[in-house]
């Protein structure tokens, strides 16, 4: 079962892919709890995070019970209303961003 490391307050993912300048990414799938703990330890040693601000959860439990949502709408058609999406949704999948409409 895959695991995720997330910020406790915002529920944003902590990415394990060092290619990104931004350490938050939806590409976070750690195969074991040990790998998740190792990710936190590496980032703490680099000075990027504070250990107490992050937690580990199984991916399914995180998606169902922990992950926060945010309100968004369609910037091209404001009359379409608003809806809730997970905070970890990338901009390319959010109709409330210009990136979504330019792709």
Protein backbone atom coordinates (compact mmCIF):
# COMPACT_ATOMS: atom_id res chain seq x y z
CA UNK A 1 0.00 0.00 0.00
CA UNK A 2 1.50 3.40 -0.96
CA UNK A 3 2.20 6.09 1.62
CA UNK A 4 2.28 9.88 1.48
CA UNK A 5 4.12 12.46 3.54
CA UNK A 6 2.04 15.58 4.05
CA UNK A 7 2.12 18.91 5.87
CA UNK A 8 -0.21 18.59 8.87
CA UNK A 9 -1.75 22.07 8.60
CA UNK A 10 -2.15 22.41 4.82
CA UNK A 11 -2.24 18.71 3.81
CA UNK A 12 0.04 19.46 0.86
CA UNK A 13 2.30 16.59 -0.26
CA UNK A 14 6.02 16.55 0.42
CA UNK A 15 7.57 15.43 -2.85
CA UNK A 16 10.33 12.87 -3.04
CA UNK A 17 11.35 13.93 -6.54
CA UNK A 18 14.36 16.24 -6.21
CA UNK A 19 14.08 17.53 -9.81
CA UNK A 20 11.41 20.02 -8.74
CA UNK A 21 12.42 23.32 -7.16
CA UNK A 22 9.14 23.29 -5.28
CA UNK A 23 9.11 20.38 -2.84
CA UNK A 24 5.32 20.02 -3.01
CA UNK A 25 4.05 17.79 -5.79
CA UNK A 26 1.26 15.37 -6.50
CA UNK A 27 3.88 12.84 -7.64
CA UNK A 28 4.28 11.44 -4.13
CA UNK A 29 3.88 7.67 -3.91
CA UNK A 30 6.17 6.02 -1.39
CA UNK A 31 6.01 2.23 -1.34
CA UNK A 32 6.69 1.70 2.36
CA UNK A 33 6.32 3.56 5.65
CA UNK A 34 10.11 3.28 6.02
CA UNK A 35 10.63 5.13 2.76
CA UNK A 36 8.29 7.86 3.98
CA UNK A 37 10.23 8.20 7.25
CA UNK A 38 13.49 8.33 5.29
CA UNK A 39 12.11 11.15 3.12
CA UNK A 40 11.28 13.21 6.20
CA UNK A 41 14.72 12.53 7.68
CA UNK A 42 16.50 13.59 4.46
CA UNK A 43 14.54 16.83 4.21
CA UNK A 44 15.13 17.64 7.90
CA UNK A 45 18.89 17.09 7.48
CA UNK A 46 18.89 19.42 4.46
CA UNK A 47 17.13 22.03 6.58
CA UNK A 48 14.11 22.19 4.26
CA UNK A 49 11.43 21.19 6.77
CA UNK A 50 10.68 20.84 10.49
CA UNK A 51 9.92 17.22 11.40
CA UNK A 52 6.98 18.09 13.67
CA UNK A 53 5.10 19.79 10.80
CA UNK A 54 4.81 16.59 8.71
CA UNK A 55 3.01 13.27 9.07
CA UNK A 56 2.75 9.96 7.21
CA UNK A 57 -0.47 8.28 6.08
CA UNK A 58 -1.57 5.51 3.77
CA UNK A 59 -2.62 7.04 0.46
CA UNK A 60 -6.24 5.80 0.52
CA UNK A 61 -6.80 6.94 4.11
CA UNK A 62 -5.25 10.31 3.26
CA UNK A 63 -7.51 10.82 0.24
CA UNK A 64 -10.69 9.81 2.11
CA UNK A 65 -10.20 11.28 5.59
CA UNK A 66 -7.34 13.78 5.78
CA UNK A 67 -6.84 15.80 2.58
CA UNK A 68 -8.39 19.27 2.66
CA UNK A 69 -10.27 20.82 -0.25
CA UNK A 70 -10.48 24.31 -1.69
CA UNK A 71 -13.18 26.15 -3.60
CA UNK A 72 -12.60 26.89 -7.27
CA UNK A 73 -14.60 27.86 -10.31
CA UNK A 74 -14.20 28.18 -14.05
CA UNK A 75 -12.36 31.41 -14.96
CA UNK A 76 -13.66 31.23 -18.53
CA UNK A 77 -17.29 30.85 -17.41
CA UNK A 78 -17.88 32.36 -13.95
CA UNK A 79 -21.61 31.59 -14.19
CA UNK A 80 -20.83 27.87 -14.06
CA UNK A 81 -20.59 28.12 -10.27
CA UNK A 82 -18.00 26.85 -7.84
CA UNK A 83 -17.00 23.44 -6.55
CA UNK A 84 -14.53 21.81 -4.18
CA UNK A 85 -11.27 20.18 -5.33
CA UNK A 86 -8.40 18.64 -3.29
CA UNK A 87 -5.59 21.05 -2.38
CA UNK A 88 -3.08 18.78 -4.14
CA UNK A 89 -4.77 19.10 -7.55
CA UNK A 90 -2.20 20.38 -10.08
CA UNK A 91 -2.91 23.68 -11.85
CA UNK A 92 -3.19 21.89 -15.18
CA UNK A 93 -6.27 20.04 -13.83
CA UNK A 94 -7.95 23.03 -12.15
CA UNK A 95 -10.45 24.98 -14.31
CA UNK A 96 -9.92 27.94 -12.00
CA UNK A 97 -6.43 28.56 -13.46
CA UNK A 98 -5.25 29.96 -16.75
CA UNK A 99 -2.91 26.98 -17.17
CA UNK A 100 -5.89 24.63 -17.45
CA UNK A 101 -7.36 26.61 -20.34
CA UNK A 102 -4.06 27.07 -22.20
CA UNK A 103 -3.18 23.39 -22.42
